[in-house]
Amino acid sequence: MKRIISSKASLTPYLRPYLLLGLSFLMISGCATAPQKGTEPSVHYYPVPAKQLPTAFTYAPIVSFQSSEENYNQIGTPAFDDKNILFIDTDIPAMFIEKRTFQTNKGVYRNIYYRINLPKSPEVDFPINPNAGNNVGFYIVATLNSKSDPILWTIAHSSGHYLAFIPTSFMPQHLLPKHWASKSRMVDGYNLPAVLTYPRRKAYKYRPHFVFSSGLHKLVSVSLMNPSGMSFGARRQNYFLRSHASLNEVDVENDGTETMFLSTTPFKGVVKNNDKKWSELLYSWWLFDPIVGRDRTIGQADDNNVPFYTSVNPFTREKSDMRDFRSFLSFWGWQL
């Protein structure tokens, strides 16, 4: 008589070897890299007003990196060279904007997606950087309530890795996940504020300032800046706001335009020229995903783009997919 395996518990012995191997890889990889300390940003990226994207400009963040000298810590615009190979042109700093709405039983919310593109995440000798590859980046997502207050900032690499949530003082406490810290939280080795507190008066004058680590591009710190009332301690670098849809019409050096994303199934939505050899070698075989770690677009829940999952657990990927923001928030414990 055949043994029937039906319960979740009965799967554990079969997955344990893979999970243990996976954890060991994580320990030697860049996910366990010790945080850099004492490095002050030398450049602050600040948005240029955009007549066609006024709402996006209102909430657009200030972004910095712990080191700004290296090309891989400079934001840019996708372009194609004369061999039709995608690269990121750091001479044209830009963020790419998309607005969406989602509804829960608590209300209707608006999201503004800010996509940041970077030339690469570099390889390092030790520990391994699993995110090493070309044409990387991340999303910063502002979630607005019915009063147009920013209640939540969500940050994730465009591979779905290094997810961070920063709720604001506009969010009622009963909407926070259970057991949310009151002062600070440790996220990927860095101490981030549990809540970003806006001033009660003239909050619209302040912008969130996100600082990212060098190379790995992890979120290091978050604070508020009042650009009109303070002197930057670093050089100010303007960036342009452009439509996310323009990423599908990138100028080609020879002639015409082309999308920066692959367009054929099963890779639709994956960034071109974005091989992640270490991610594929270390993780793909035990996560059952041949494109794990590859950077991608956040498509719609009903399109044919690759999923934008933020949990590596094969059994929870669908619920952690940022394409369905309502389900995504619920999965991570938010009560919106």
Protein backbone atom coordinates (compact mmCIF):
# COMPACT_ATOMS: atom_id res chain seq x y z
CA MET A 1 0.00 0.00 0.00
CA LYS A 2 1.38 3.41 -1.05
CA ARG A 3 2.07 5.98 1.55
CA ILE A 4 -0.02 9.13 1.03
CA ILE A 5 1.68 12.48 1.64
CA SER A 6 -0.98 15.13 2.13
CA SER A 7 -0.21 17.39 5.07
CA LYS A 8 2.08 20.42 5.18
CA ALA A 9 4.05 18.83 8.00
CA SER A 10 4.78 15.74 5.94
CA LEU A 11 6.57 17.86 3.32
CA THR A 12 9.09 19.18 5.82
CA PRO A 13 11.47 16.16 5.86
CA TYR A 14 11.67 16.24 2.08
CA LEU A 15 12.41 19.97 1.89
CA ARG A 16 14.75 20.15 4.90
CA PRO A 17 17.98 19.30 3.00
CA TYR A 18 17.22 21.97 0.42
CA LEU A 19 16.33 24.56 3.04
CA LEU A 20 19.49 23.88 5.03
CA LEU A 21 21.62 24.16 1.92
CA GLY A 22 19.85 27.37 1.00
CA LEU A 23 20.47 28.86 4.42
CA SER A 24 24.13 27.95 4.23
CA PHE A 25 24.41 29.74 0.89
CA LEU A 26 22.72 32.79 2.39
CA MET A 27 25.28 32.87 5.18
CA ILE A 28 28.21 33.04 2.74
CA SER A 29 26.48 35.37 0.32
CA GLY A 30 26.04 39.12 0.21
CA CYS A 31 22.76 38.77 2.09
CA ALA A 32 24.88 38.39 5.22
CA THR A 33 27.27 41.24 4.42
CA ALA A 34 28.14 43.39 7.42
CA PRO A 35 26.77 46.92 7.08
CA GLN A 36 29.05 49.83 6.24
CA LYS A 37 29.19 52.49 8.93
CA GLY A 38 30.28 56.10 9.12
CA THR A 39 30.00 56.85 5.41
CA GLU A 40 28.18 60.07 4.58
CA PRO A 41 26.64 60.53 1.11
CA SER A 42 28.39 63.07 -1.11
CA VAL A 43 25.53 63.44 -3.60
CA HIS A 44 21.79 63.91 -3.08
CA TYR A 45 19.53 63.16 -6.06
CA TYR A 46 16.69 65.66 -6.09
CA PRO A 47 13.65 65.74 -8.46
CA VAL A 48 13.15 68.32 -11.20
CA PRO A 49 9.55 69.61 -11.48
CA ALA A 50 7.61 67.83 -14.22
CA LYS A 51 4.53 69.52 -15.69
CA GLN A 52 3.13 66.21 -16.91
CA LEU A 53 3.73 64.45 -13.58
CA PRO A 54 2.83 67.01 -10.87
CA THR A 55 1.62 64.46 -8.30
CA ALA A 56 4.72 62.34 -8.77
CA PHE A 57 6.89 65.40 -8.20
CA THR A 58 5.03 66.28 -5.00
CA TYR A 59 5.98 62.99 -3.35
CA ALA A 60 9.24 62.27 -5.19
CA PRO A 61 11.98 61.18 -2.78
CA ILE A 62 15.54 62.36 -2.32
CA VAL A 63 17.98 59.49 -2.91
CA SER A 64 21.63 59.11 -1.93
CA PHE A 65 24.28 56.40 -1.81
CA GLN A 66 26.96 55.96 0.83
CA SER A 67 29.51 56.35 -1.94
CA SER A 68 28.74 58.23 -5.14
CA GLU A 69 32.08 58.13 -6.94
CA GLU A 70 31.55 54.70 -8.45
CA ASN A 71 29.47 54.47 -11.60
CA TYR A 72 27.40 51.63 -10.13
CA ASN A 73 26.13 53.97 -7.39
CA GLN A 74 24.76 56.52 -9.86
CA ILE A 75 21.19 56.48 -11.14
CA GLY A 76 20.54 56.82 -14.84
CA THR A 77 18.40 56.23 -17.90
CA PRO A 78 18.28 53.02 -19.98
CA ALA A 79 19.88 53.20 -23.43
CA PHE A 80 21.08 50.88 -26.19
CA ASP A 81 24.58 51.02 -27.68
CA ASP A 82 25.50 50.53 -31.33
CA LYS A 83 25.40 46.74 -30.80
CA ASN A 84 21.86 46.96 -29.42
CA ILE A 85 23.01 46.04 -25.91
CA LEU A 86 21.16 47.64 -23.00
CA PHE A 87 23.08 49.80 -20.53
CA ILE A 88 22.29 52.56 -18.02
CA ASP A 89 23.40 56.05 -19.00
CA THR A 90 24.31 57.85 -15.76
CA ASP A 91 24.68 61.16 -17.60
CA ILE A 92 20.87 61.37 -17.54
CA PRO A 93 19.64 60.68 -13.97
CA ALA A 94 15.94 59.84 -13.92
CA MET A 95 13.19 58.01 -12.07
CA PHE A 96 10.38 56.33 -13.96
CA ILE A 97 6.87 56.82 -12.67
CA GLU A 98 3.67 54.81 -12.70
CA LYS A 99 0.45 55.49 -10.76
CA ARG A 100 -2.04 52.80 -9.75
CA THR A 101 -4.94 52.41 -7.34
CA PHE A 102 -6.04 49.48 -5.22
CA GLN A 103 -9.01 48.92 -2.94
CA THR A 104 -9.47 47.05 0.31
CA ASN A 105 -12.36 46.85 2.75
CA LYS A 106 -10.73 49.81 4.55
CA GLY A 107 -10.72 52.15 1.58
CA VAL A 108 -9.20 53.15 -1.75
CA TYR A 109 -5.47 53.84 -1.95
CA ARG A 110 -3.16 55.24 -4.60
CA ASN A 111 0.36 54.04 -5.31
CA ILE A 112 3.10 56.01 -7.02
CA TYR A 113 5.92 53.77 -8.24
CA TYR A 114 9.38 55.31 -8.65
CA ARG A 115 11.74 53.03 -10.56
CA ILE A 116 15.47 53.70 -10.19
CA ASN A 117 17.91 52.15 -12.68
CA LEU A 118 21.61 51.56 -11.92
CA PRO A 119 24.44 50.33 -14.19
CA LYS A 120 25.24 47.26 -12.11
CA SER A 121 25.77 45.63 -8.76
CA PRO A 122 29.47 44.68 -8.71
CA GLU A 123 31.05 41.36 -7.95
CA VAL A 124 33.14 41.16 -4.78
CA ASP A 125 35.75 38.63 -3.69
CA PHE A 126 34.12 37.74 -0.36
CA PRO A 127 31.42 37.32 0.64
CA ILE A 128 29.68 36.59 -2.63
CA ASN A 129 27.28 39.24 -3.90
CA PRO A 130 24.32 37.19 -5.22
CA ASN A 131 22.84 40.33 -6.79
CA ALA A 132 25.91 40.97 -8.98
CA GLY A 133 24.89 41.78 -12.53
CA ASN A 134 24.21 44.57 -15.01
CA ASN A 135 21.23 46.92 -15.31
CA VAL A 136 19.94 46.54 -11.77
CA GLY A 137 17.72 48.87 -9.78
CA PHE A 138 14.94 49.22 -7.26
CA TYR A 139 11.43 50.55 -6.73
CA ILE A 140 10.33 53.09 -4.16
CA VAL A 141 6.55 53.02 -3.78
CA ALA A 142 4.51 55.75 -2.08
CA THR A 143 1.06 54.64 -0.86
CA LEU A 144 -1.40 57.52 -0.39
CA ASN A 145 -4.68 57.48 1.53
CA SER A 146 -7.93 59.23 0.52
CA LYS A 147 -6.55 62.52 1.88
CA SER A 148 -3.43 62.17 -0.30
CA ASP A 149 -1.26 61.64 2.76
CA PRO A 150 1.71 59.28 2.26
CA ILE A 151 0.97 56.53 4.77
CA LEU A 152 3.53 53.95 3.64
CA TRP A 153 6.80 53.75 1.74
CA THR A 154 7.77 50.38 0.27
CA ILE A 155 11.26 49.74 -1.09
CA ALA A 156 12.30 46.66 -3.06
CA HIS A 157 15.03 45.81 -5.51
CA SER A 158 13.67 45.27 -9.00
CA SER A 159 14.59 41.62 -8.46
CA GLY A 160 12.11 41.52 -5.56
CA HIS A 161 14.91 41.21 -2.99
CA TYR A 162 15.78 43.46 -0.02
CA LEU A 163 12.22 44.43 0.79
CA ALA A 164 11.68 47.20 3.36
CA PHE A 165 8.55 48.92 4.69
CA ILE A 166 8.55 52.39 6.21
CA PRO A 167 5.10 53.42 7.53
CA THR A 168 4.55 57.08 8.32
CA SER A 169 2.85 58.98 11.11
CA PHE A 170 -0.16 59.36 8.80
CA MET A 171 -0.92 55.65 9.16
CA PRO A 172 -3.30 54.71 12.01
CA GLN A 173 -1.64 52.27 14.40
CA HIS A 174 -4.36 49.64 13.99
CA LEU A 175 -3.30 49.22 10.35
CA LEU A 176 0.26 48.24 11.27
CA PRO A 177 1.30 44.57 11.31
CA LYS A 178 1.03 42.88 14.68
CA HIS A 179 4.01 43.39 17.01
CA TRP A 180 5.39 46.23 14.89
CA ALA A 181 8.30 47.91 16.68
CA SER A 182 7.71 51.36 18.13
CA LYS A 183 11.13 52.95 17.53
CA SER A 184 13.29 51.09 15.04
CA ARG A 185 13.63 47.84 13.12
CA MET A 186 16.64 45.91 11.87
CA VAL A 187 16.27 45.26 8.12
CA ASP A 188 19.03 43.47 6.18
CA GLY A 189 21.63 44.57 8.71
CA TYR A 190 20.58 48.21 9.00
CA ASN A 191 18.62 49.98 11.70
CA LEU A 192 15.63 51.72 10.08
CA PRO A 193 12.92 53.84 11.72
CA ALA A 194 9.80 51.92 12.66
CA VAL A 195 7.73 54.98 11.69
CA LEU A 196 8.71 58.01 9.62
CA THR A 197 7.23 60.93 11.56
CA TYR A 198 6.06 63.90 9.51
CA PRO A 199 5.57 67.33 11.13
CA ARG A 200 1.95 68.19 11.84
CA ARG A 201 2.17 71.48 10.00
CA LYS A 202 3.28 71.92 6.38
CA ALA A 203 4.18 68.26 6.02
CA TYR A 204 4.02 68.67 2.24
CA LYS A 205 7.28 70.66 2.36
CA TYR A 206 9.22 67.58 3.48
CA ARG A 207 10.56 64.77 1.34
CA PRO A 208 11.76 61.35 2.46
CA HIS A 209 15.49 60.91 2.09
CA PHE A 210 16.54 57.32 1.34
CA VAL A 211 20.22 56.40 1.65
CA PHE A 212 21.47 53.15 0.08
CA SER A 213 24.66 51.20 0.61
CA SER A 214 27.44 51.11 -1.94
CA GLY A 215 27.33 48.26 -4.43
CA LEU A 216 24.70 46.07 -2.79
CA HIS A 217 22.23 49.00 -2.73
CA LYS A 218 20.55 48.00 0.53
CA LEU A 219 18.47 50.62 2.32
CA VAL A 220 20.72 52.13 5.02
CA SER A 221 18.72 55.00 6.49
CA VAL A 222 15.51 57.00 6.07
CA SER A 223 14.79 60.54 7.24
CA LEU A 224 12.82 63.63 6.24
CA MET A 225 14.34 66.63 4.49
CA ASN A 226 12.99 70.11 3.95
CA PRO A 227 14.90 71.07 0.77
CA SER A 228 13.67 74.67 0.78
CA GLY A 229 14.79 75.36 4.33
CA MET A 230 18.14 73.65 4.67
CA SER A 231 21.56 73.55 3.12
CA PHE A 232 22.56 70.21 1.69
CA GLY A 233 25.73 68.79 3.18
CA ALA A 234 26.47 67.24 -0.19
CA ARG A 235 26.34 68.12 -3.85
CA ARG A 236 22.81 68.35 -5.23
CA GLN A 237 22.20 66.34 -8.41
CA ASN A 238 18.88 66.83 -10.20
CA TYR A 239 17.00 63.88 -11.65
CA PHE A 240 14.17 63.86 -14.18
CA LEU A 241 10.75 62.30 -13.73
CA ARG A 242 9.62 60.24 -16.70
CA SER A 243 6.79 57.87 -17.43
CA HIS A 244 7.38 54.21 -16.63
CA ALA A 245 5.81 53.45 -20.03
CA SER A 246 8.82 55.14 -21.69
CA LEU A 247 10.92 52.15 -20.61
CA ASN A 248 9.22 50.31 -23.45
CA GLU A 249 10.41 52.95 -25.94
CA VAL A 250 14.12 53.33 -25.23
CA ASP A 251 16.14 55.01 -27.99
CA VAL A 252 18.42 52.73 -29.95
CA GLU A 253 21.72 54.27 -31.05
CA ASN A 254 21.37 53.18 -34.65
CA ASP A 255 17.66 53.88 -35.16
CA GLY A 256 14.21 53.60 -33.62
CA THR A 257 13.23 52.47 -30.13
CA GLU A 258 13.11 49.23 -28.17
CA THR A 259 11.86 48.02 -24.79
CA MET A 260 14.34 47.44 -21.98
CA PHE A 261 12.44 44.28 -21.02
CA LEU A 262 12.33 40.86 -22.64
CA SER A 263 9.01 40.36 -24.39
CA THR A 264 8.65 36.63 -24.85
CA THR A 265 7.24 34.08 -22.40
CA PRO A 266 8.47 32.81 -19.93
CA PHE A 267 10.83 35.78 -19.54
CA LYS A 268 8.42 38.60 -20.37
CA GLY A 269 9.20 41.61 -18.18
CA VAL A 270 12.78 40.61 -17.27
CA VAL A 271 15.42 43.31 -17.87
CA LYS A 272 17.68 42.70 -20.86
CA ASN A 273 21.42 42.11 -20.35
CA ASN A 274 20.77 41.24 -16.70
CA ASP A 275 22.34 37.82 -16.13
CA LYS A 276 22.68 36.99 -12.43
CA LYS A 277 25.09 34.05 -12.45
CA TRP A 278 25.51 33.83 -8.68
CA SER A 279 21.79 33.98 -7.95
CA GLU A 280 21.12 31.30 -10.53
CA LEU A 281 23.98 29.11 -9.30
CA LEU A 282 23.20 29.42 -5.60
CA TYR A 283 19.41 29.57 -5.52
CA SER A 284 17.63 28.59 -8.72
CA TRP A 285 17.90 24.84 -8.30
CA TRP A 286 16.43 24.67 -4.78
CA LEU A 287 13.92 27.49 -5.26
CA PHE A 288 12.68 25.91 -8.51
CA ASP A 289 13.10 29.23 -10.34
CA PRO A 290 15.59 29.53 -13.26
CA ILE A 291 15.42 33.37 -13.24
CA VAL A 292 15.66 33.99 -9.50
CA GLY A 293 17.39 37.29 -8.77
CA ARG A 294 16.84 38.71 -12.26
CA ASP A 295 15.63 42.30 -12.33
CA ARG A 296 12.17 42.89 -13.78
CA THR A 297 9.23 45.22 -14.09
CA ILE A 298 6.29 45.30 -11.69
CA GLY A 299 3.59 44.32 -14.13
CA GLN A 300 -0.13 44.11 -13.53
CA ALA A 301 -1.70 41.17 -11.69
CA ASP A 302 -3.44 39.98 -14.86
CA ASP A 303 -0.62 40.40 -17.39
CA ASN A 304 1.88 37.87 -18.69
CA ASN A 305 4.96 39.41 -17.09
CA VAL A 306 7.04 37.30 -14.74
CA PRO A 307 5.87 37.46 -11.11
CA PHE A 308 7.36 40.09 -8.81
CA TYR A 309 7.48 37.92 -5.72
CA THR A 310 9.15 39.16 -2.53
CA SER A 311 9.28 35.85 -0.64
CA VAL A 312 11.57 33.06 -1.83
CA ASN A 313 9.36 30.40 -0.27
CA PRO A 314 7.93 28.51 -3.28
CA PHE A 315 4.63 28.03 -1.41
CA THR A 316 4.05 31.74 -0.71
CA ARG A 317 5.32 33.41 -3.86
CA GLU A 318 1.92 34.14 -5.30
CA LYS A 319 0.71 35.90 -2.14
CA SER A 320 3.93 37.94 -1.92
CA ASP A 321 3.69 39.18 -5.53
CA MET A 322 3.80 42.99 -5.66
CA ARG A 323 1.75 43.03 -8.85
CA ASP A 324 -1.33 42.52 -6.64
CA PHE A 325 -0.52 45.14 -4.03
CA ARG A 326 -3.52 44.40 -1.85
CA SER A 327 -2.63 40.73 -1.53
CA PHE A 328 1.05 41.62 -1.15
CA LEU A 329 0.38 43.91 1.83
CA SER A 330 -1.93 41.38 3.45
CA PHE A 331 0.71 38.67 3.13
CA TRP A 332 3.24 40.82 4.99
CA GLY A 333 0.75 41.56 7.77
CA TRP A 334 -0.52 45.03 6.90
CA GLN A 335 -4.14 45.73 7.88
CA LEU A 336 -5.02 48.17 5.11
